[in-house]
Amino acid sequence: TENKRSAIYQDGDWQFVETIAPPSG
């Protein structure tokens, strides 16, 4: 909740889902 990020536990560690920027340029 601190940074509104999701994390998934994979291969023995938490993997934080990266932000995807909207298309531009």
mmCIF file of all heavy atoms, coordinates in Angstrom:
data_MODEL
# 
_entry.id   MODEL 
# 
loop_
_atom_site.group_PDB 
_atom_site.id 
_atom_site.type_symbol 
_atom_site.label_atom_id 
_atom_site.label_alt_id 
_atom_site.label_comp_id 
_atom_site.label_asym_id 
_atom_site.label_entity_id 
_atom_site.label_seq_id 
_atom_site.pdbx_PDB_ins_code 
_atom_site.Cartn_x 
_atom_site.Cartn_y 
_atom_site.Cartn_z 
_atom_site.occupancy 
_atom_site.B_iso_or_equiv 
_atom_site.pdbx_formal_charge 
_atom_site.auth_seq_id 
_atom_site.auth_comp_id 
_atom_site.auth_asym_id 
_atom_site.auth_atom_id 
_atom_site.pdbx_PDB_model_num 
ATOM 1   N N   . THR A 1 1  ? 0.812  -1.224  0.000   1.00 0.00 ? 1  THR A N   1 
ATOM 2   C CA  . THR A 1 1  ? 0.000  0.000   0.000   1.00 0.00 ? 1  THR A CA  1 
ATOM 3   C C   . THR A 1 1  ? 0.845  1.274   0.000   1.00 0.00 ? 1  THR A C   1 
ATOM 4   O O   . THR A 1 1  ? 0.395  2.294   -0.495  1.00 0.00 ? 1  THR A O   1 
ATOM 5   C CB  . THR A 1 1  ? -0.969 0.028   1.194   1.00 0.00 ? 1  THR A CB  1 
ATOM 6   O OG1 . THR A 1 1  ? -0.239 -0.075  2.409   1.00 0.00 ? 1  THR A OG1 1 
ATOM 7   C CG2 . THR A 1 1  ? -1.964 -1.110  1.105   1.00 0.00 ? 1  THR A CG2 1 
ATOM 8   N N   . GLU A 1 2  ? 2.050  1.218   0.537   1.00 0.00 ? 2  GLU A N   1 
ATOM 9   C CA  . GLU A 1 2  ? 2.910  2.400   0.608   1.00 0.00 ? 2  GLU A CA  1 
ATOM 10  C C   . GLU A 1 2  ? 3.127  3.027   -0.773  1.00 0.00 ? 2  GLU A C   1 
ATOM 11  O O   . GLU A 1 2  ? 3.078  4.235   -0.932  1.00 0.00 ? 2  GLU A O   1 
ATOM 12  C CB  . GLU A 1 2  ? 4.258  2.031   1.229   1.00 0.00 ? 2  GLU A CB  1 
ATOM 13  C CG  . GLU A 1 2  ? 5.258  3.161   1.262   1.00 0.00 ? 2  GLU A CG  1 
ATOM 14  C CD  . GLU A 1 2  ? 6.599  2.716   1.818   1.00 0.00 ? 2  GLU A CD  1 
ATOM 15  O OE1 . GLU A 1 2  ? 7.222  1.791   1.262   1.00 0.00 ? 2  GLU A OE1 1 
ATOM 16  O OE2 . GLU A 1 2  ? 7.012  3.301   2.839   1.00 0.00 ? 2  GLU A OE2 1 
ATOM 17  N N   . ASN A 1 3  ? 3.380  2.184   -1.764  1.00 0.00 ? 3  ASN A N   1 
ATOM 18  C CA  . ASN A 1 3  ? 3.663  2.712   -3.092  1.00 0.00 ? 3  ASN A CA  1 
ATOM 19  C C   . ASN A 1 3  ? 2.724  2.156   -4.163  1.00 0.00 ? 3  ASN A C   1 
ATOM 20  O O   . ASN A 1 3  ? 2.977  2.314   -5.348  1.00 0.00 ? 3  ASN A O   1 
ATOM 21  C CB  . ASN A 1 3  ? 5.121  2.450   -3.474  1.00 0.00 ? 3  ASN A CB  1 
ATOM 22  C CG  . ASN A 1 3  ? 5.484  0.990   -3.332  1.00 0.00 ? 3  ASN A CG  1 
ATOM 23  O OD1 . ASN A 1 3  ? 4.622  0.120   -3.282  1.00 0.00 ? 3  ASN A OD1 1 
ATOM 24  N ND2 . ASN A 1 3  ? 6.773  0.713   -3.273  1.00 0.00 ? 3  ASN A ND2 1 
ATOM 25  N N   . LYS A 1 4  ? 1.634  1.487   -3.725  1.00 0.00 ? 4  LYS A N   1 
ATOM 26  C CA  . LYS A 1 4  ? 0.620  0.945   -4.632  1.00 0.00 ? 4  LYS A CA  1 
ATOM 27  C C   . LYS A 1 4  ? 1.220  0.032   -5.690  1.00 0.00 ? 4  LYS A C   1 
ATOM 28  O O   . LYS A 1 4  ? 0.842  0.076   -6.862  1.00 0.00 ? 4  LYS A O   1 
ATOM 29  C CB  . LYS A 1 4  ? -0.177 2.072   -5.281  1.00 0.00 ? 4  LYS A CB  1 
ATOM 30  C CG  . LYS A 1 4  ? -0.963 2.877   -4.295  1.00 0.00 ? 4  LYS A CG  1 
ATOM 31  C CD  . LYS A 1 4  ? -1.758 3.944   -4.975  1.00 0.00 ? 4  LYS A CD  1 
ATOM 32  C CE  . LYS A 1 4  ? -2.509 4.756   -3.937  1.00 0.00 ? 4  LYS A CE  1 
ATOM 33  N NZ  . LYS A 1 4  ? -3.111 5.938   -4.469  1.00 0.00 ? 4  LYS A NZ  1 
ATOM 34  N N   . ARG A 1 5  ? 2.166  -0.804  -5.266  1.00 0.00 ? 5  ARG A N   1 
ATOM 35  C CA  . ARG A 1 5  ? 2.798  -1.750  -6.174  1.00 0.00 ? 5  ARG A CA  1 
ATOM 36  C C   . ARG A 1 5  ? 2.332  -3.153  -5.861  1.00 0.00 ? 5  ARG A C   1 
ATOM 37  O O   . ARG A 1 5  ? 1.979  -3.467  -4.732  1.00 0.00 ? 5  ARG A O   1 
ATOM 38  C CB  . ARG A 1 5  ? 4.318  -1.681  -6.063  1.00 0.00 ? 5  ARG A CB  1 
ATOM 39  C CG  . ARG A 1 5  ? 4.887  -0.373  -6.571  1.00 0.00 ? 5  ARG A CG  1 
ATOM 40  C CD  . ARG A 1 5  ? 6.377  -0.354  -6.532  1.00 0.00 ? 5  ARG A CD  1 
ATOM 41  N NE  . ARG A 1 5  ? 6.928  -1.256  -7.540  1.00 0.00 ? 5  ARG A NE  1 
ATOM 42  C CZ  . ARG A 1 5  ? 8.205  -1.602  -7.580  1.00 0.00 ? 5  ARG A CZ  1 
ATOM 43  N NH1 . ARG A 1 5  ? 9.044  -1.146  -6.692  1.00 0.00 ? 5  ARG A NH1 1 
ATOM 44  N NH2 . ARG A 1 5  ? 8.642  -2.413  -8.510  1.00 0.00 ? 5  ARG A NH2 1 
ATOM 45  N N   . SER A 1 6  ? 2.358  -4.004  -6.850  1.00 0.00 ? 6  SER A N   1 
ATOM 46  C CA  . SER A 1 6  ? 2.062  -5.416  -6.678  1.00 0.00 ? 6  SER A CA  1 
ATOM 47  C C   . SER A 1 6  ? 3.374  -6.182  -6.644  1.00 0.00 ? 6  SER A C   1 
ATOM 48  O O   . SER A 1 6  ? 4.352  -5.782  -7.277  1.00 0.00 ? 6  SER A O   1 
ATOM 49  C CB  . SER A 1 6  ? 1.226  -5.944  -7.846  1.00 0.00 ? 6  SER A CB  1 
ATOM 50  O OG  . SER A 1 6  ? 0.020  -5.263  -7.932  1.00 0.00 ? 6  SER A OG  1 
ATOM 51  N N   . ALA A 1 7  ? 3.362  -7.290  -5.910  1.00 0.00 ? 7  ALA A N   1 
ATOM 52  C CA  . ALA A 1 7  ? 4.521  -8.175  -5.892  1.00 0.00 ? 7  ALA A CA  1 
ATOM 53  C C   . ALA A 1 7  ? 4.012  -9.607  -5.964  1.00 0.00 ? 7  ALA A C   1 
ATOM 54  O O   . ALA A 1 7  ? 2.981  -9.946  -5.386  1.00 0.00 ? 7  ALA A O   1 
ATOM 55  C CB  . ALA A 1 7  ? 5.356  -7.963  -4.635  1.00 0.00 ? 7  ALA A CB  1 
ATOM 56  N N   . ILE A 1 8  ? 4.749  -10.440 -6.689  1.00 0.00 ? 8  ILE A N   1 
ATOM 57  C CA  . ILE A 1 8  ? 4.407  -11.852 -6.843  1.00 0.00 ? 8  ILE A CA  1 
ATOM 58  C C   . ILE A 1 8  ? 5.596  -12.673 -6.363  1.00 0.00 ? 8  ILE A C   1 
ATOM 59  O O   . ILE A 1 8  ? 6.744  -12.369 -6.692  1.00 0.00 ? 8  ILE A O   1 
ATOM 60  C CB  . ILE A 1 8  ? 4.077  -12.180 -8.311  1.00 0.00 ? 8  ILE A CB  1 
ATOM 61  C CG1 . ILE A 1 8  ? 2.890  -11.331 -8.774  1.00 0.00 ? 8  ILE A CG1 1 
ATOM 62  C CG2 . ILE A 1 8  ? 3.787  -13.664 -8.491  1.00 0.00 ? 8  ILE A CG2 1 
ATOM 63  C CD1 . ILE A 1 8  ? 2.602  -11.403 -10.243 1.00 0.00 ? 8  ILE A CD1 1 
ATOM 64  N N   . TYR A 1 9  ? 5.302  -13.710 -5.576  1.00 0.00 ? 9  TYR A N   1 
ATOM 65  C CA  . TYR A 1 9  ? 6.355  -14.580 -5.057  1.00 0.00 ? 9  TYR A CA  1 
ATOM 66  C C   . TYR A 1 9  ? 6.687  -15.633 -6.116  1.00 0.00 ? 9  TYR A C   1 
ATOM 67  O O   . TYR A 1 9  ? 5.876  -16.507 -6.415  1.00 0.00 ? 9  TYR A O   1 
ATOM 68  C CB  . TYR A 1 9  ? 5.896  -15.228 -3.753  1.00 0.00 ? 9  TYR A CB  1 
ATOM 69  C CG  . TYR A 1 9  ? 7.013  -15.896 -3.006  1.00 0.00 ? 9  TYR A CG  1 
ATOM 70  C CD1 . TYR A 1 9  ? 7.937  -15.142 -2.286  1.00 0.00 ? 9  TYR A CD1 1 
ATOM 71  C CD2 . TYR A 1 9  ? 7.153  -17.275 -3.020  1.00 0.00 ? 9  TYR A CD2 1 
ATOM 72  C CE1 . TYR A 1 9  ? 8.962  -15.745 -1.596  1.00 0.00 ? 9  TYR A CE1 1 
ATOM 73  C CE2 . TYR A 1 9  ? 8.179  -17.889 -2.325  1.00 0.00 ? 9  TYR A CE2 1 
ATOM 74  C CZ  . TYR A 1 9  ? 9.081  -17.125 -1.615  1.00 0.00 ? 9  TYR A CZ  1 
ATOM 75  O OH  . TYR A 1 9  ? 10.110 -17.730 -0.937  1.00 0.00 ? 9  TYR A OH  1 
ATOM 76  N N   . GLN A 1 10 ? 7.886  -15.535 -6.686  1.00 0.00 ? 10 GLN A N   1 
ATOM 77  C CA  . GLN A 1 10 ? 8.319  -16.470 -7.719  1.00 0.00 ? 10 GLN A CA  1 
ATOM 78  C C   . GLN A 1 10 ? 9.761  -16.864 -7.481  1.00 0.00 ? 10 GLN A C   1 
ATOM 79  O O   . GLN A 1 10 ? 10.607 -16.006 -7.188  1.00 0.00 ? 10 GLN A O   1 
ATOM 80  C CB  . GLN A 1 10 ? 8.198  -15.848 -9.108  1.00 0.00 ? 10 GLN A CB  1 
ATOM 81  C CG  . GLN A 1 10 ? 6.773  -15.585 -9.534  1.00 0.00 ? 10 GLN A CG  1 
ATOM 82  C CD  . GLN A 1 10 ? 6.695  -14.931 -10.896 1.00 0.00 ? 10 GLN A CD  1 
ATOM 83  O OE1 . GLN A 1 10 ? 7.549  -14.122 -11.260 1.00 0.00 ? 10 GLN A OE1 1 
ATOM 84  N NE2 . GLN A 1 10 ? 5.666  -15.256 -11.640 1.00 0.00 ? 10 GLN A NE2 1 
ATOM 85  N N   . ASP A 1 11 ? 10.012 -18.146 -7.608  1.00 0.00 ? 11 ASP A N   1 
ATOM 86  C CA  . ASP A 1 11 ? 11.372 -18.685 -7.500  1.00 0.00 ? 11 ASP A CA  1 
ATOM 87  C C   . ASP A 1 11 ? 12.052 -18.283 -6.201  1.00 0.00 ? 11 ASP A C   1 
ATOM 88  O O   . ASP A 1 11 ? 13.230 -17.934 -6.179  1.00 0.00 ? 11 ASP A O   1 
ATOM 89  C CB  . ASP A 1 11 ? 12.219 -18.254 -8.705  1.00 0.00 ? 11 ASP A CB  1 
ATOM 90  C CG  . ASP A 1 11 ? 11.627 -18.727 -10.022 1.00 0.00 ? 11 ASP A CG  1 
ATOM 91  O OD1 . ASP A 1 11 ? 11.083 -19.846 -10.059 1.00 0.00 ? 11 ASP A OD1 1 
ATOM 92  O OD2 . ASP A 1 11 ? 11.700 -17.968 -11.014 1.00 0.00 ? 11 ASP A OD2 1 
ATOM 93  N N   . GLY A 1 12 ? 11.291 -18.287 -5.107  1.00 0.00 ? 12 GLY A N   1 
ATOM 94  C CA  . GLY A 1 12 ? 11.864 -18.051 -3.791  1.00 0.00 ? 12 GLY A CA  1 
ATOM 95  C C   . GLY A 1 12 ? 12.069 -16.603 -3.397  1.00 0.00 ? 12 GLY A C   1 
ATOM 96  O O   . GLY A 1 12 ? 12.727 -16.332 -2.393  1.00 0.00 ? 12 GLY A O   1 
ATOM 97  N N   . ASP A 1 13 ? 11.515 -15.654 -4.162  1.00 0.00 ? 13 ASP A N   1 
ATOM 98  C CA  . ASP A 1 13 ? 11.669 -14.247 -3.803  1.00 0.00 ? 13 ASP A CA  1 
ATOM 99  C C   . ASP A 1 13 ? 10.487 -13.450 -4.350  1.00 0.00 ? 13 ASP A C   1 
ATOM 100 O O   . ASP A 1 13 ? 9.807  -13.873 -5.269  1.00 0.00 ? 13 ASP A O   1 
ATOM 101 C CB  . ASP A 1 13 ? 12.981 -13.689 -4.365  1.00 0.00 ? 13 ASP A CB  1 
ATOM 102 C CG  . ASP A 1 13 ? 13.443 -12.432 -3.648  1.00 0.00 ? 13 ASP A CG  1 
ATOM 103 O OD1 . ASP A 1 13 ? 12.868 -12.080 -2.585  1.00 0.00 ? 13 ASP A OD1 1 
ATOM 104 O OD2 . ASP A 1 13 ? 14.383 -11.782 -4.142  1.00 0.00 ? 13 ASP A OD2 1 
ATOM 105 N N   . TRP A 1 14 ? 10.260 -12.291 -3.769  1.00 0.00 ? 14 TRP A N   1 
ATOM 106 C CA  . TRP A 1 14 ? 9.193  -11.404 -4.220  1.00 0.00 ? 14 TRP A CA  1 
ATOM 107 C C   . TRP A 1 14 ? 9.669  -10.631 -5.436  1.00 0.00 ? 14 TRP A C   1 
ATOM 108 O O   . TRP A 1 14 ? 10.721 -9.995  -5.405  1.00 0.00 ? 14 TRP A O   1 
ATOM 109 C CB  . TRP A 1 14 ? 8.790  -10.454 -3.101  1.00 0.00 ? 14 TRP A CB  1 
ATOM 110 C CG  . TRP A 1 14 ? 8.056  -11.151 -2.003  1.00 0.00 ? 14 TRP A CG  1 
ATOM 111 C CD1 . TRP A 1 14 ? 8.564  -11.562 -0.813  1.00 0.00 ? 14 TRP A CD1 1 
ATOM 112 C CD2 . TRP A 1 14 ? 6.682  -11.540 -2.004  1.00 0.00 ? 14 TRP A CD2 1 
ATOM 113 N NE1 . TRP A 1 14 ? 7.597  -12.185 -0.070  1.00 0.00 ? 14 TRP A NE1 1 
ATOM 114 C CE2 . TRP A 1 14 ? 6.425  -12.192 -0.777  1.00 0.00 ? 14 TRP A CE2 1 
ATOM 115 C CE3 . TRP A 1 14 ? 5.644  -11.412 -2.914  1.00 0.00 ? 14 TRP A CE3 1 
ATOM 116 C CZ2 . TRP A 1 14 ? 5.173  -12.695 -0.442  1.00 0.00 ? 14 TRP A CZ2 1 
ATOM 117 C CZ3 . TRP A 1 14 ? 4.401  -11.911 -2.592  1.00 0.00 ? 14 TRP A CZ3 1 
ATOM 118 C CH2 . TRP A 1 14 ? 4.167  -12.559 -1.359  1.00 0.00 ? 14 TRP A CH2 1 
ATOM 119 N N   . GLN A 1 15 ? 8.888  -10.674 -6.494  1.00 0.00 ? 15 GLN A N   1 
ATOM 120 C CA  . GLN A 1 15 ? 9.175  -9.937  -7.723  1.00 0.00 ? 15 GLN A CA  1 
ATOM 121 C C   . GLN A 1 15 ? 8.169  -8.797  -7.821  1.00 0.00 ? 15 GLN A C   1 
ATOM 122 O O   . GLN A 1 15 ? 6.966  -9.042  -7.875  1.00 0.00 ? 15 GLN A O   1 
ATOM 123 C CB  . GLN A 1 15 ? 9.035  -10.851 -8.945  1.00 0.00 ? 15 GLN A CB  1 
ATOM 124 C CG  . GLN A 1 15 ? 9.785  -12.158 -8.847  1.00 0.00 ? 15 GLN A CG  1 
ATOM 125 C CD  . GLN A 1 15 ? 11.278 -11.987 -8.756  1.00 0.00 ? 15 GLN A CD  1 
ATOM 126 O OE1 . GLN A 1 15 ? 11.857 -11.132 -9.426  1.00 0.00 ? 15 GLN A OE1 1 
ATOM 127 N NE2 . GLN A 1 15 ? 11.915 -12.785 -7.919  1.00 0.00 ? 15 GLN A NE2 1 
ATOM 128 N N   . PHE A 1 16 ? 8.653  -7.567  -7.822  1.00 0.00 ? 16 PHE A N   1 
ATOM 129 C CA  . PHE A 1 16 ? 7.763  -6.415  -7.907  1.00 0.00 ? 16 PHE A CA  1 
ATOM 130 C C   . PHE A 1 16 ? 7.405  -6.148  -9.362  1.00 0.00 ? 16 PHE A C   1 
ATOM 131 O O   . PHE A 1 16 ? 8.268  -6.146  -10.233 1.00 0.00 ? 16 PHE A O   1 
ATOM 132 C CB  . PHE A 1 16 ? 8.402  -5.188  -7.253  1.00 0.00 ? 16 PHE A CB  1 
ATOM 133 C CG  . PHE A 1 16 ? 8.400  -5.282  -5.762  1.00 0.00 ? 16 PHE A CG  1 
ATOM 134 C CD1 . PHE A 1 16 ? 9.443  -5.895  -5.096  1.00 0.00 ? 16 PHE A CD1 1 
ATOM 135 C CD2 . PHE A 1 16 ? 7.329  -4.793  -5.028  1.00 0.00 ? 16 PHE A CD2 1 
ATOM 136 C CE1 . PHE A 1 16 ? 9.424  -6.013  -3.714  1.00 0.00 ? 16 PHE A CE1 1 
ATOM 137 C CE2 . PHE A 1 16 ? 7.310  -4.909  -3.652  1.00 0.00 ? 16 PHE A CE2 1 
ATOM 138 C CZ  . PHE A 1 16 ? 8.358  -5.517  -2.998  1.00 0.00 ? 16 PHE A CZ  1 
ATOM 139 N N   . VAL A 1 17 ? 6.113  -5.934  -9.601  1.00 0.00 ? 17 VAL A N   1 
ATOM 140 C CA  . VAL A 1 17 ? 5.618  -5.675  -10.947 1.00 0.00 ? 17 VAL A CA  1 
ATOM 141 C C   . VAL A 1 17 ? 6.047  -4.263  -11.343 1.00 0.00 ? 17 VAL A C   1 
ATOM 142 O O   . VAL A 1 17 ? 5.831  -3.305  -10.596 1.00 0.00 ? 17 VAL A O   1 
ATOM 143 C CB  . VAL A 1 17 ? 4.079  -5.823  -10.999 1.00 0.00 ? 17 VAL A CB  1 
ATOM 144 C CG1 . VAL A 1 17 ? 3.550  -5.521  -12.387 1.00 0.00 ? 17 VAL A CG1 1 
ATOM 145 C CG2 . VAL A 1 17 ? 3.674  -7.222  -10.546 1.00 0.00 ? 17 VAL A CG2 1 
ATOM 146 N N   . GLU A 1 18 ? 6.656  -4.163  -12.475 1.00 0.00 ? 18 GLU A N   1 
ATOM 147 C CA  . GLU A 1 18 ? 7.161  -2.872  -12.942 1.00 0.00 ? 18 GLU A CA  1 
ATOM 148 C C   . GLU A 1 18 ? 6.035  -2.024  -13.537 1.00 0.00 ? 18 GLU A C   1 
ATOM 149 O O   . GLU A 1 18 ? 5.059  -2.545  -14.062 1.00 0.00 ? 18 GLU A O   1 
ATOM 150 C CB  . GLU A 1 18 ? 8.255  -3.077  -13.994 1.00 0.00 ? 18 GLU A CB  1 
ATOM 151 C CG  . GLU A 1 18 ? 9.476  -3.799  -13.464 1.00 0.00 ? 18 GLU A CG  1 
ATOM 152 C CD  . GLU A 1 18 ? 10.183 -3.046  -12.347 1.00 0.00 ? 18 GLU A CD  1 
ATOM 153 O OE1 . GLU A 1 18 ? 10.249 -1.796  -12.406 1.00 0.00 ? 18 GLU A OE1 1 
ATOM 154 O OE2 . GLU A 1 18 ? 10.665 -3.708  -11.421 1.00 0.00 ? 18 GLU A OE2 1 
ATOM 155 N N   . THR A 1 19 ? 6.205  -0.740  -13.481 1.00 0.00 ? 19 THR A N   1 
ATOM 156 C CA  . THR A 1 19 ? 5.255  0.198   -14.076 1.00 0.00 ? 19 THR A CA  1 
ATOM 157 C C   . THR A 1 19 ? 5.400  0.178   -15.595 1.00 0.00 ? 19 THR A C   1 
ATOM 158 O O   . THR A 1 19 ? 6.510  0.154   -16.120 1.00 0.00 ? 19 THR A O   1 
ATOM 159 C CB  . THR A 1 19 ? 5.527  1.619   -13.547 1.00 0.00 ? 19 THR A CB  1 
ATOM 160 O OG1 . THR A 1 19 ? 5.353  1.618   -12.136 1.00 0.00 ? 19 THR A OG1 1 
ATOM 161 C CG2 . THR A 1 19 ? 4.580  2.624   -14.160 1.00 0.00 ? 19 THR A CG2 1 
ATOM 162 N N   . ILE A 1 20 ? 4.281  0.173   -16.275 1.00 0.00 ? 20 ILE A N   1 
ATOM 163 C CA  . ILE A 1 20 ? 4.281  0.264   -17.731 1.00 0.00 ? 20 ILE A CA  1 
ATOM 164 C C   . ILE A 1 20 ? 3.764  1.650   -18.095 1.00 0.00 ? 20 ILE A C   1 
ATOM 165 O O   . ILE A 1 20 ? 2.640  2.014   -17.742 1.00 0.00 ? 20 ILE A O   1 
ATOM 166 C CB  . ILE A 1 20 ? 3.390  -0.830  -18.363 1.00 0.00 ? 20 ILE A CB  1 
ATOM 167 C CG1 . ILE A 1 20 ? 3.933  -2.213  -18.013 1.00 0.00 ? 20 ILE A CG1 1 
ATOM 168 C CG2 . ILE A 1 20 ? 3.303  -0.635  -19.878 1.00 0.00 ? 20 ILE A CG2 1 
ATOM 169 C CD1 . ILE A 1 20 ? 3.057  -3.352  -18.475 1.00 0.00 ? 20 ILE A CD1 1 
ATOM 170 N N   . ALA A 1 21 ? 4.582  2.385   -18.778 1.00 0.00 ? 21 ALA A N   1 
ATOM 171 C CA  . ALA A 1 21 ? 4.193  3.743   -19.167 1.00 0.00 ? 21 ALA A CA  1 
ATOM 172 C C   . ALA A 1 21 ? 3.265  3.694   -20.378 1.00 0.00 ? 21 ALA A C   1 
ATOM 173 O O   . ALA A 1 21 ? 3.377  2.799   -21.220 1.00 0.00 ? 21 ALA A O   1 
ATOM 174 C CB  . ALA A 1 21 ? 5.430  4.557   -19.501 1.00 0.00 ? 21 ALA A CB  1 
ATOM 175 N N   . PRO A 1 22 ? 2.358  4.640   -20.460 1.00 0.00 ? 22 PRO A N   1 
ATOM 176 C CA  . PRO A 1 22 ? 1.491  4.701   -21.642 1.00 0.00 ? 22 PRO A CA  1 
ATOM 177 C C   . PRO A 1 22 ? 2.318  5.046   -22.879 1.00 0.00 ? 22 PRO A C   1 
ATOM 178 O O   . PRO A 1 22 ? 3.405  5.612   -22.774 1.00 0.00 ? 22 PRO A O   1 
ATOM 179 C CB  . PRO A 1 22 ? 0.497  5.806   -21.297 1.00 0.00 ? 22 PRO A CB  1 
ATOM 180 C CG  . PRO A 1 22 ? 1.143  6.606   -20.230 1.00 0.00 ? 22 PRO A CG  1 
ATOM 181 C CD  . PRO A 1 22 ? 2.085  5.690   -19.502 1.00 0.00 ? 22 PRO A CD  1 
ATOM 182 N N   . PRO A 1 23 ? 1.795  4.702   -24.059 1.00 0.00 ? 23 PRO A N   1 
ATOM 183 C CA  . PRO A 1 23 ? 2.544  4.998   -25.286 1.00 0.00 ? 23 PRO A CA  1 
ATOM 184 C C   . PRO A 1 23 ? 2.699  6.510   -25.494 1.00 0.00 ? 23 PRO A C   1 
ATOM 185 O O   . PRO A 1 23 ? 1.809  7.281   -25.161 1.00 0.00 ? 23 PRO A O   1 
ATOM 186 C CB  . PRO A 1 23 ? 1.694  4.367   -26.389 1.00 0.00 ? 23 PRO A CB  1 
ATOM 187 C CG  . PRO A 1 23 ? 0.341  4.178   -25.802 1.00 0.00 ? 23 PRO A CG  1 
ATOM 188 C CD  . PRO A 1 23 ? 0.523  4.066   -24.324 1.00 0.00 ? 23 PRO A CD  1 
ATOM 189 N N   . SER A 1 24 ? 3.850  6.882   -26.037 1.00 0.00 ? 24 SER A N   1 
ATOM 190 C CA  . SER A 1 24 ? 4.094  8.288   -26.360 1.00 0.00 ? 24 SER A CA  1 
ATOM 191 C C   . SER A 1 24 ? 5.160  8.372   -27.441 1.00 0.00 ? 24 SER A C   1 
ATOM 192 O O   . SER A 1 24 ? 5.984  7.474   -27.584 1.00 0.00 ? 24 SER A O   1 
ATOM 193 C CB  . SER A 1 24 ? 4.534  9.070   -25.115 1.00 0.00 ? 24 SER A CB  1 
ATOM 194 O OG  . SER A 1 24 ? 5.769  8.594   -24.663 1.00 0.00 ? 24 SER A OG  1 
ATOM 195 N N   . GLY A 1 25 ? 5.139  9.463   -28.180 1.00 0.00 ? 25 GLY A N   1 
ATOM 196 C CA  . GLY A 1 25 ? 6.153  9.693   -29.205 1.00 0.00 ? 25 GLY A CA  1 
ATOM 197 C C   . GLY A 1 25 ? 5.979  8.793   -30.417 1.00 0.00 ? 25 GLY A C   1 
ATOM 198 O O   . GLY A 1 25 ? 4.956  8.129   -30.589 1.00 0.00 ? 25 GLY A O   1 
# 
